[in-house]
Amino acid sequence: MSFFLILFLLLPSFLFAGETITATSYVLVEKDSFDIIAGRNYHRRLAPASTTKVMTTLLAIEKIDTEEIIVPDKKTASLPASKMDLVPGKQYRAIDLMNGAMVESANDAAYALAKYIGGSEENFARMMNGRANEMGAFNTNFKNASGLYVNDQYTTCYDLALIFKNALSNDIFRELVTKKYFLFHDSRRNVQFKNHNRFLFCFEPAIGGKTGFTRRSKHCYVGAFERDGKTYILSLLNSRDLWGDAVLILGNLYDRLPSDEELRSARACSVSLSSYKPKNKKKSVTKKSIAKKRYKTVKKGTKKTVK
């Protein structure tokens, strides 16, 4: 057998295996020491998609009281999904918008928080960047609060893991990121949102995380996991197979990982309306009903018109 044939047969066992991970960049770190367990291109600047909302929500928690009332402006209604369908001019509690941003990944909630705190989304983005620099995330530049794709908005997997590490030290943020469901009440309805982070529903070591997706950014993710009393953070950017990539990377830590079927069944469903107050509907008018209204029998042989 030739040397080149032997080499070709041996290569898949140590080279091609890593190529099954589709993410352009990823990193798996131990939270406290920040030692890198596995990674690739983790200092490469890439679009963050809705993982941006980690910083948005943390900054909101740090800047305002959770019970403050926020009134969204007209732009809120024009933002694309995912969203909570906030109504411009109506009043909402800050904590509900924080929940919406983290659980439902609602773009309208993130924008409403940014506008309320910063006066404008642009000013809020500058505040986000300042906070990122305080954490040591120097390869990050936010341009909006939602993560919707715009030019020159980027982060790295290393920075994203660093931001998530800092966010986890906040008790309110930790409570939000671990929620499987969020029940949202407004004047018309009660809506139950299911978290987009599938690991929460099928992988016991999962603490919480944030997904993201746009056509330009592809799939993005940052999340935390427990093992032997330690916390590990996984972040990945620009993935074509988010959950497949995440499972492969987490194989560096765990023997038992969720199956494809378990991950599919954990998929977030559409919002479910547990109650809804419809608008008053006009009663349909038929010839028969008109006839009944026009005439009413008072006595036998006597009819009275009802106007």
Protein backbone atom coordinates (compact mmCIF):
# COMPACT_ATOMS: atom_id res chain seq x y z
CA MET A 1 0.00 0.00 0.00
CA SER A 2 1.42 3.37 -1.01
CA PHE A 3 2.37 6.04 1.51
CA PHE A 4 -0.19 8.52 0.07
CA LEU A 5 -3.05 6.00 0.31
CA ILE A 6 -2.18 5.28 3.95
CA LEU A 7 -2.08 9.03 4.65
CA PHE A 8 -5.47 9.53 3.00
CA LEU A 9 -7.05 6.77 5.10
CA LEU A 10 -5.65 8.24 8.32
CA LEU A 11 -6.56 11.88 7.67
CA PRO A 12 -10.32 11.69 8.42
CA SER A 13 -9.70 10.57 11.99
CA PHE A 14 -8.01 13.82 13.01
CA LEU A 15 -8.49 16.41 10.26
CA PHE A 16 -11.84 16.00 8.56
CA ALA A 17 -13.71 15.56 11.86
CA GLY A 18 -13.33 19.25 12.69
CA GLU A 19 -14.72 20.23 9.28
CA THR A 20 -18.15 18.91 10.22
CA ILE A 21 -18.56 22.03 12.36
CA THR A 22 -20.12 24.56 10.00
CA ALA A 23 -19.66 27.67 12.17
CA THR A 24 -17.05 30.09 10.90
CA SER A 25 -16.04 30.85 14.48
CA TYR A 26 -16.59 29.22 17.87
CA VAL A 27 -15.10 29.03 21.33
CA LEU A 28 -15.76 26.92 24.44
CA VAL A 29 -14.29 28.34 27.66
CA GLU A 30 -14.35 27.68 31.39
CA LYS A 31 -16.14 30.69 32.83
CA ASP A 32 -13.97 31.68 35.82
CA SER A 33 -10.49 31.04 34.45
CA PHE A 34 -11.56 31.75 30.85
CA ASP A 35 -9.32 28.88 29.76
CA ILE A 36 -10.15 27.82 26.21
CA ILE A 37 -11.31 24.20 25.86
CA ALA A 38 -11.91 24.31 22.10
CA GLY A 39 -12.14 26.98 19.46
CA ARG A 40 -11.59 28.23 15.94
CA ASN A 41 -11.26 31.77 14.55
CA TYR A 42 -12.61 33.08 17.86
CA HIS A 43 -11.09 36.55 17.41
CA ARG A 44 -12.63 36.98 13.95
CA ARG A 45 -15.15 39.84 13.69
CA LEU A 46 -18.57 38.65 12.56
CA ALA A 47 -22.18 39.85 12.70
CA PRO A 48 -23.80 38.92 16.04
CA ALA A 49 -27.52 38.75 15.13
CA SER A 50 -29.77 38.55 18.21
CA THR A 51 -26.98 37.56 20.58
CA THR A 52 -26.72 41.37 20.67
CA LYS A 53 -29.72 41.31 23.02
CA VAL A 54 -27.52 39.92 25.81
CA MET A 55 -25.82 43.31 26.06
CA THR A 56 -29.09 45.17 25.44
CA THR A 57 -30.85 43.41 28.29
CA LEU A 58 -27.92 43.59 30.71
CA LEU A 59 -27.52 47.33 30.11
CA ALA A 60 -31.26 47.86 30.57
CA ILE A 61 -31.15 45.99 33.90
CA GLU A 62 -28.22 48.14 35.02
CA LYS A 63 -29.76 51.45 33.94
CA ILE A 64 -33.45 51.30 34.89
CA ASP A 65 -35.83 49.78 37.40
CA THR A 66 -37.65 46.68 36.19
CA GLU A 67 -41.05 48.22 37.05
CA GLU A 68 -40.55 51.43 35.06
CA ILE A 69 -43.19 52.11 32.41
CA ILE A 70 -42.11 52.35 28.78
CA VAL A 71 -44.22 53.71 25.93
CA PRO A 72 -42.99 52.55 22.48
CA ASP A 73 -42.92 54.98 19.56
CA LYS A 74 -44.26 54.50 16.02
CA LYS A 75 -41.08 52.88 14.69
CA THR A 76 -41.66 49.92 17.00
CA ALA A 77 -44.55 48.64 14.88
CA SER A 78 -42.47 48.57 11.68
CA LEU A 79 -39.69 46.34 13.03
CA PRO A 80 -39.54 42.78 11.65
CA ALA A 81 -40.05 39.57 13.64
CA SER A 82 -39.28 38.15 16.06
CA LYS A 83 -41.47 40.55 18.01
CA MET A 84 -44.04 40.92 20.78
CA ASP A 85 -46.35 43.06 18.61
CA LEU A 86 -46.06 46.03 20.94
CA VAL A 87 -48.56 48.80 20.24
CA PRO A 88 -47.07 52.32 19.89
CA GLY A 89 -48.41 54.65 22.55
CA LYS A 90 -49.35 51.88 24.99
CA GLN A 91 -47.67 51.37 28.35
CA TYR A 92 -45.44 48.36 29.11
CA ARG A 93 -43.36 47.39 32.13
CA ALA A 94 -39.60 47.30 31.56
CA ILE A 95 -39.37 43.75 32.98
CA ASP A 96 -41.83 42.51 30.35
CA LEU A 97 -39.72 44.01 27.58
CA MET A 98 -36.58 42.46 29.10
CA ASN A 99 -38.30 39.07 29.16
CA GLY A 100 -39.46 39.59 25.60
CA ALA A 101 -35.96 40.42 24.41
CA MET A 102 -34.39 37.34 26.04
CA VAL A 103 -37.12 34.70 25.70
CA GLU A 104 -38.87 35.64 22.45
CA SER A 105 -35.87 37.56 21.01
CA ALA A 106 -38.30 40.40 20.32
CA ASN A 107 -36.82 43.17 18.18
CA ASP A 108 -39.56 45.62 19.13
CA ALA A 109 -38.85 45.06 22.85
CA ALA A 110 -35.11 45.64 22.38
CA TYR A 111 -35.73 48.83 20.40
CA ALA A 112 -38.24 50.17 22.95
CA LEU A 113 -35.77 49.63 25.79
CA ALA A 114 -32.97 51.31 23.81
CA LYS A 115 -35.06 54.35 22.88
CA TYR A 116 -36.30 54.81 26.45
CA ILE A 117 -32.85 54.56 28.04
CA GLY A 118 -30.67 56.24 25.43
CA GLY A 119 -33.08 58.76 23.94
CA SER A 120 -32.21 57.22 20.58
CA GLU A 121 -31.08 53.78 19.48
CA GLU A 122 -27.82 55.25 18.21
CA ASN A 123 -26.99 56.73 21.59
CA PHE A 124 -27.92 53.48 23.32
CA ALA A 125 -25.56 51.61 20.98
CA ARG A 126 -22.74 53.91 22.08
CA MET A 127 -23.59 53.02 25.67
CA MET A 128 -23.47 49.32 24.75
CA ASN A 129 -20.01 49.75 23.23
CA GLY A 130 -18.75 51.59 26.30
CA ARG A 131 -20.00 48.78 28.53
CA ALA A 132 -18.40 46.17 26.26
CA ASN A 133 -15.05 47.97 26.53
CA GLU A 134 -15.33 47.94 30.32
CA MET A 135 -15.57 44.15 30.10
CA GLY A 136 -12.53 43.88 27.85
CA ALA A 137 -14.59 43.14 24.73
CA PHE A 138 -12.56 45.42 22.45
CA ASN A 139 -13.41 43.68 19.16
CA THR A 140 -17.12 44.46 19.44
CA ASN A 141 -19.08 47.27 17.81
CA PHE A 142 -22.84 47.55 18.28
CA LYS A 143 -24.95 49.72 15.97
CA ASN A 144 -28.42 48.78 17.23
CA ALA A 145 -30.10 47.04 20.17
CA SER A 146 -31.72 44.15 18.32
CA GLY A 147 -28.93 42.63 16.26
CA LEU A 148 -30.74 43.18 12.96
CA TYR A 149 -28.05 43.24 10.30
CA VAL A 150 -26.36 46.56 9.55
CA ASN A 151 -22.90 47.26 8.18
CA ASP A 152 -20.08 47.58 10.71
CA GLN A 153 -21.93 45.81 13.53
CA TYR A 154 -19.77 42.98 14.77
CA THR A 155 -18.40 40.97 17.65
CA THR A 156 -16.15 37.95 18.09
CA CYS A 157 -16.86 34.62 19.76
CA TYR A 158 -14.27 35.48 22.40
CA ASP A 159 -15.91 38.86 23.12
CA LEU A 160 -19.38 37.33 23.10
CA ALA A 161 -18.34 34.73 25.68
CA LEU A 162 -16.78 37.52 27.77
CA ILE A 163 -19.99 39.58 27.63
CA PHE A 164 -22.05 36.56 28.61
CA LYS A 165 -19.72 35.81 31.52
CA ASN A 166 -20.27 39.31 32.89
CA ALA A 167 -24.03 39.13 32.31
CA LEU A 168 -24.32 35.89 34.28
CA SER A 169 -23.02 37.66 37.39
CA ASN A 170 -26.20 39.78 37.39
CA ASP A 171 -28.99 38.00 39.31
CA ILE A 172 -31.84 39.51 37.28
CA PHE A 173 -30.19 38.62 33.98
CA ARG A 174 -29.50 35.09 35.17
CA GLU A 175 -33.17 34.68 36.07
CA LEU A 176 -34.25 35.92 32.63
CA VAL A 177 -31.85 33.77 30.64
CA THR A 178 -32.88 30.56 32.41
CA LYS A 179 -36.62 30.98 31.70
CA LYS A 180 -38.24 28.34 29.53
CA TYR A 181 -41.45 30.30 29.09
CA PHE A 182 -42.65 33.88 29.52
CA LEU A 183 -46.32 34.71 29.99
CA PHE A 184 -46.98 38.22 28.69
CA HIS A 185 -50.08 40.12 29.81
CA ASP A 186 -51.46 43.17 28.09
CA SER A 187 -54.91 44.74 27.90
CA ARG A 188 -56.07 42.43 25.09
CA ARG A 189 -54.46 39.07 25.69
CA ASN A 190 -52.21 36.69 27.57
CA VAL A 191 -49.47 35.33 25.33
CA GLN A 192 -47.10 32.53 26.19
CA PHE A 193 -43.67 32.70 24.55
CA LYS A 194 -41.35 29.69 24.48
CA ASN A 195 -37.60 30.21 24.72
CA HIS A 196 -35.69 29.72 21.46
CA ASN A 197 -32.81 28.05 23.33
CA ARG A 198 -33.60 24.37 22.73
CA PHE A 199 -30.98 23.12 25.19
CA LEU A 200 -33.17 24.34 28.07
CA PHE A 201 -35.73 21.66 27.19
CA CYS A 202 -33.56 18.64 26.45
CA PHE A 203 -30.13 19.04 28.09
CA GLU A 204 -29.97 19.15 31.87
CA PRO A 205 -26.50 20.80 32.15
CA ALA A 206 -27.78 23.86 30.22
CA ILE A 207 -28.07 27.01 32.33
CA GLY A 208 -29.34 29.38 29.65
CA GLY A 209 -28.36 31.08 26.44
CA LYS A 210 -29.31 33.35 23.56
CA THR A 211 -29.83 32.39 19.93
CA GLY A 212 -29.64 34.64 16.89
CA PHE A 213 -30.32 34.46 13.17
CA THR A 214 -30.43 36.69 10.12
CA ARG A 215 -29.83 35.68 6.52
CA ARG A 216 -26.55 37.60 6.49
CA SER A 217 -25.36 36.57 9.96
CA LYS A 218 -26.61 32.97 9.73
CA HIS A 219 -27.09 31.19 13.07
CA CYS A 220 -25.39 32.54 16.20
CA TYR A 221 -25.43 31.39 19.82
CA VAL A 222 -24.00 32.00 23.27
CA GLY A 223 -24.88 29.90 26.31
CA ALA A 224 -23.68 28.47 29.60
CA PHE A 225 -23.48 24.89 30.88
CA GLU A 226 -22.57 23.20 34.16
CA ARG A 227 -20.26 20.28 34.76
CA ASP A 228 -18.64 19.07 38.01
CA GLY A 229 -19.35 22.35 39.79
CA LYS A 230 -17.88 24.50 37.01
CA THR A 231 -19.58 26.69 34.41
CA TYR A 232 -18.62 26.63 30.75
CA ILE A 233 -19.58 29.14 28.06
CA LEU A 234 -20.04 28.25 24.40
CA SER A 235 -20.32 30.89 21.71
CA LEU A 236 -20.47 30.41 17.96
CA LEU A 237 -21.07 32.70 14.99
CA ASN A 238 -22.02 32.27 11.34
CA SER A 239 -23.25 28.68 11.58
CA ARG A 240 -25.34 26.81 9.02
CA ASP A 241 -26.27 24.11 11.55
CA LEU A 242 -26.52 25.69 14.99
CA TRP A 243 -27.62 22.74 17.11
CA GLY A 244 -25.49 20.22 15.24
CA ASP A 245 -22.43 22.42 15.68
CA ALA A 246 -23.17 23.05 19.35
CA VAL A 247 -23.53 19.32 20.08
CA LEU A 248 -20.22 18.55 18.37
CA ILE A 249 -18.39 21.24 20.33
CA LEU A 250 -19.97 20.23 23.64
CA GLY A 251 -18.66 16.73 22.96
CA ASN A 252 -15.42 18.08 24.42
CA LEU A 253 -17.18 18.10 27.81
CA TYR A 254 -20.04 15.61 27.78
CA ASP A 255 -20.59 12.01 26.74
CA ARG A 256 -24.40 12.20 26.80
CA LEU A 257 -25.75 14.89 24.47
CA PRO A 258 -29.20 15.60 22.99
CA SER A 259 -30.21 13.65 19.90
CA ASP A 260 -31.47 15.28 16.71
CA GLU A 261 -34.99 14.16 17.58
CA GLU A 262 -34.79 15.69 21.07
CA LEU A 263 -33.54 18.97 19.64
CA ARG A 264 -36.31 19.05 17.01
CA SER A 265 -39.02 18.44 19.61
CA ALA A 266 -37.59 21.29 21.73
CA ARG A 267 -38.12 23.81 18.95
CA ALA A 268 -39.91 27.01 20.01
CA CYS A 269 -43.49 27.03 18.80
CA SER A 270 -45.50 30.02 17.69
CA VAL A 271 -47.02 32.18 20.42
CA SER A 272 -50.14 30.69 21.94
CA LEU A 273 -53.01 32.90 23.01
CA SER A 274 -54.33 31.71 26.34
CA SER A 275 -56.97 34.42 26.29
CA TYR A 276 -58.05 37.15 23.93
CA LYS A 277 -60.65 39.90 23.98
CA PRO A 278 -61.97 40.32 20.45
CA LYS A 279 -63.47 43.50 19.17
CA ASN A 280 -67.26 43.74 19.29
CA LYS A 281 -68.62 42.23 16.14
CA LYS A 282 -71.67 43.61 14.41
CA LYS A 283 -74.51 41.12 14.29
CA SER A 284 -75.23 39.86 10.83
CA VAL A 285 -78.51 41.08 9.39
CA THR A 286 -80.79 38.72 7.48
CA LYS A 287 -84.16 39.18 5.83
CA LYS A 288 -85.67 36.92 8.47
CA SER A 289 -84.27 38.98 11.36
CA ILE A 290 -85.49 42.20 9.75
CA ALA A 291 -88.95 40.80 9.44
CA LYS A 292 -88.98 39.80 13.10
CA LYS A 293 -87.94 43.29 14.18
CA ARG A 294 -90.43 45.10 11.99
CA TYR A 295 -93.46 43.35 13.31
CA LYS A 296 -94.36 42.20 16.77
CA THR A 297 -97.62 40.58 17.63
CA VAL A 298 -99.36 42.40 20.45
CA LYS A 299 -102.75 40.78 20.25
CA LYS A 300 -104.23 38.23 17.98
CA GLY A 301 -104.94 39.96 14.71
CA THR A 302 -103.10 43.16 15.79
CA LYS A 303 -99.51 44.01 14.82
CA LYS A 304 -97.32 46.81 16.03
CA THR A 305 -94.30 48.17 14.14
CA VAL A 306 -91.06 48.27 16.06
CA LYS A 307 -88.73 51.02 14.90
